[in-house]
Protein backbone atom coordinates (compact mmCIF):
# COMPACT_ATOMS: atom_id res chain seq x y z
CA MET A 1 227.22 -75.97 -78.29
CA ILE A 2 224.32 -77.82 -79.89
CA GLY A 3 222.50 -77.75 -76.56
CA ARG A 4 222.77 -73.95 -76.37
CA ARG A 5 221.51 -73.55 -79.95
CA ALA A 6 218.61 -75.91 -79.34
CA PHE A 7 217.81 -74.01 -76.15
CA ALA A 8 218.01 -70.66 -77.97
CA VAL A 9 215.81 -71.91 -80.84
CA GLY A 10 213.33 -73.41 -78.38
CA LEU A 11 213.23 -70.21 -76.35
CA SER A 12 212.75 -68.15 -79.53
CA LEU A 13 209.89 -70.37 -80.64
CA ALA A 14 208.30 -70.18 -77.20
CA LEU A 15 208.52 -66.37 -77.21
CA VAL A 16 207.08 -66.15 -80.73
CA GLY A 17 204.26 -68.52 -79.72
CA ALA A 18 203.55 -66.54 -76.58
CA GLY A 19 203.52 -63.32 -78.58
CA ALA A 20 201.11 -64.80 -81.13
CA SER A 21 198.86 -66.13 -78.37
CA THR A 22 198.84 -62.74 -76.65
CA ALA A 23 198.05 -60.98 -79.94
CA SER A 24 195.26 -63.46 -80.69
CA LEU A 25 193.80 -63.06 -77.21
CA TYR A 26 193.97 -59.26 -77.50
CA ALA A 27 192.25 -59.34 -80.89
CA GLN A 28 189.50 -61.64 -79.59
CA THR A 29 188.98 -59.51 -76.48
CA ARG A 30 188.84 -56.38 -78.60
CA THR A 31 186.29 -58.02 -80.93
CA ASP A 32 184.19 -59.14 -77.95
CA GLU A 33 184.27 -55.61 -76.54
CA GLN A 34 183.27 -54.10 -79.88
CA LEU A 35 180.42 -56.55 -80.49
CA PRO A 36 177.88 -54.87 -78.14
CA GLN A 37 178.80 -51.45 -79.56
CA SER A 38 178.37 -52.71 -83.14
CA ARG A 39 175.10 -54.43 -82.35
CA SER A 40 173.85 -51.27 -80.68
CA ALA A 41 174.83 -49.18 -83.71
CA ILE A 42 173.14 -51.67 -86.05
CA GLY A 43 169.96 -51.68 -83.95
CA ASP A 44 169.87 -47.90 -83.75
CA ALA A 45 170.39 -47.59 -87.53
CA ALA A 46 167.61 -50.09 -88.27
CA ASP A 47 165.18 -48.45 -85.83
CA ASP A 48 165.95 -44.87 -86.85
CA GLY A 49 165.89 -45.73 -90.56
CA ALA A 50 162.54 -47.54 -90.32
CA VAL A 51 160.99 -44.60 -88.49
CA ALA A 52 162.39 -42.13 -91.02
CA VAL A 53 161.14 -44.12 -94.02
CA LEU A 54 157.63 -44.50 -92.61
CA SER A 55 157.18 -41.02 -91.08
CA TYR A 56 156.30 -37.91 -93.08
CA ARG A 57 154.01 -34.92 -93.04
CA ALA A 58 152.20 -33.30 -95.95
CA ASP A 59 153.74 -29.91 -95.22
CA SER A 60 157.32 -31.24 -95.07
CA VAL A 61 157.19 -34.43 -97.13
CA ASP A 62 159.99 -33.48 -99.53
CA ALA A 63 162.38 -32.78 -96.66
CA ASP A 64 161.12 -35.90 -94.84
CA ILE A 65 161.91 -38.07 -97.88
CA GLU A 66 165.35 -36.49 -98.17
CA HIS A 67 165.96 -37.13 -94.46
CA ALA A 68 164.87 -40.76 -94.80
CA ALA A 69 167.21 -41.20 -97.79
CA SER A 70 170.16 -40.37 -95.51
CA PHE A 71 169.55 -43.74 -93.76
CA LEU A 72 169.60 -45.74 -97.02
CA THR A 73 172.12 -47.10 -99.52
CA GLY A 74 172.38 -48.94 -102.83
CA ASP A 75 169.39 -50.06 -104.85
CA PHE A 76 167.02 -49.42 -101.96
CA LEU A 77 168.12 -45.78 -101.82
CA SER A 78 167.43 -45.43 -105.57
CA TYR A 79 164.06 -47.16 -105.28
CA TYR A 80 162.94 -45.17 -102.23
CA SER A 81 164.02 -41.82 -103.69
CA ALA A 82 162.05 -42.45 -106.89
CA PHE A 83 159.01 -43.89 -105.07
CA GLY A 84 159.05 -41.00 -102.62
CA ALA A 85 159.12 -38.37 -105.35
CA GLU A 86 156.60 -40.08 -107.63
CA SER A 87 154.12 -41.55 -105.12
CA ILE A 88 154.55 -40.57 -101.48
CA ALA A 89 155.05 -36.82 -101.92
CA PRO A 90 152.19 -36.18 -104.37
CA ALA A 91 149.72 -38.28 -102.34
CA ALA A 92 150.77 -36.69 -99.04
CA LYS A 93 150.42 -33.17 -100.43
CA GLU A 94 147.11 -33.87 -102.20
CA ARG A 95 145.45 -35.67 -99.28
CA GLY A 96 147.18 -33.93 -96.35
CA ILE A 97 148.64 -37.21 -95.13
CA ILE A 98 150.57 -37.42 -91.89
CA SER A 99 152.28 -40.72 -91.14
CA SER A 100 153.96 -41.23 -87.80
CA ALA A 101 155.91 -44.41 -87.02
CA THR A 102 157.43 -45.72 -83.80
CA VAL A 103 159.42 -48.86 -83.13
CA SER A 104 157.82 -51.15 -80.56
CA ALA A 105 160.60 -53.77 -80.60
CA SER A 106 163.60 -54.83 -82.63
CA SER A 107 166.34 -57.39 -82.70
CA ILE A 108 169.51 -58.13 -84.63
CA VAL A 109 169.05 -61.43 -86.49
CA SER A 110 172.61 -61.68 -87.77
CA SER A 111 175.65 -59.50 -88.25
CA SER A 112 179.12 -59.60 -89.72
CA GLU A 113 181.79 -56.98 -90.10
CA ASN A 114 180.03 -55.09 -92.91
CA SER A 115 176.46 -56.39 -93.12
CA ALA A 116 173.59 -57.19 -90.81
CA VAL A 117 169.95 -58.21 -90.70
CA ALA A 118 167.45 -56.82 -88.19
CA LEU A 119 163.83 -57.53 -87.42
CA VAL A 120 161.89 -54.38 -86.52
CA PHE A 121 158.30 -54.15 -85.27
CA VAL A 122 156.69 -50.83 -86.11
CA ASN A 123 153.48 -49.09 -85.08
CA GLN A 124 152.24 -46.48 -87.52
CA ASN A 125 149.46 -43.89 -87.26
CA ILE A 126 148.16 -42.31 -90.44
CA THR A 127 145.79 -39.36 -90.79
CA SER A 128 144.66 -37.36 -93.80
CA THR A 129 142.30 -34.50 -94.52
CA ASP A 130 139.61 -36.96 -95.65
CA ALA A 131 140.25 -39.36 -92.71
CA PRO A 132 141.28 -37.23 -89.71
CA ASP A 133 140.85 -40.05 -87.19
CA PRO A 134 144.18 -41.87 -86.92
CA LYS A 135 144.36 -45.27 -88.55
CA ALA A 136 146.75 -47.49 -86.66
CA ALA A 137 148.76 -50.20 -88.33
CA SER A 138 151.43 -52.54 -87.04
CA SER A 139 154.00 -54.23 -89.20
CA SER A 140 157.12 -56.34 -89.02
CA LEU A 141 160.08 -55.44 -91.16
CA ARG A 142 163.12 -57.46 -92.17
CA ILE A 143 165.86 -54.90 -92.67
CA GLU A 144 169.23 -55.56 -94.27
CA LEU A 145 172.01 -53.09 -93.49
CA ASP A 146 175.46 -52.49 -94.93
CA GLN A 147 178.27 -50.59 -93.30
CA VAL A 148 179.25 -47.72 -95.60
CA ASP A 149 182.00 -45.30 -94.58
CA GLY A 150 181.58 -46.27 -90.93
CA ARG A 151 177.76 -45.88 -90.92
CA TRP A 152 175.14 -48.62 -90.93
CA LEU A 153 172.67 -47.92 -93.77
CA ILE A 154 169.57 -49.80 -94.88
CA SER A 155 170.12 -51.65 -98.15
CA LYS A 156 166.85 -53.58 -98.15
CA LEU A 157 163.55 -53.32 -96.27
CA ASP A 158 160.90 -56.03 -96.62
CA PRO A 159 157.58 -56.26 -94.78
CA ILE A 160 157.02 -59.75 -93.36
């Protein structure tokens, strides 16, 4: 009788262990499968957000600033919205500024479930009514992102 109970307990423990191992393996496989998708979403959000923040036209600057704000969150959203309204928009309208940015390269530096850091290299061309020949500039940006309601949004953007 004791042998049967020991066998039953041993079998139960083995089944529970196998179930836990299977669940752990499934979770790890699922995480590994999601990692490239998450990294792609993070990279796209960093690239698209950088371009939106640095691109605007004198004739649509208010809408351009509003569009760029849709890629931002937290204190950076507050800062950018105020800076855009107080500095970018008036200067763009007064001087006929057109700023066009493109991403030349980017990489995810680190990521976790709800935050990430990306390095983005940007080329920017700027023209204005008083300087119609494009002025080219290149910059490197360290971008911090947070996942908010399923979207990756820029929470900090620092030139480096």
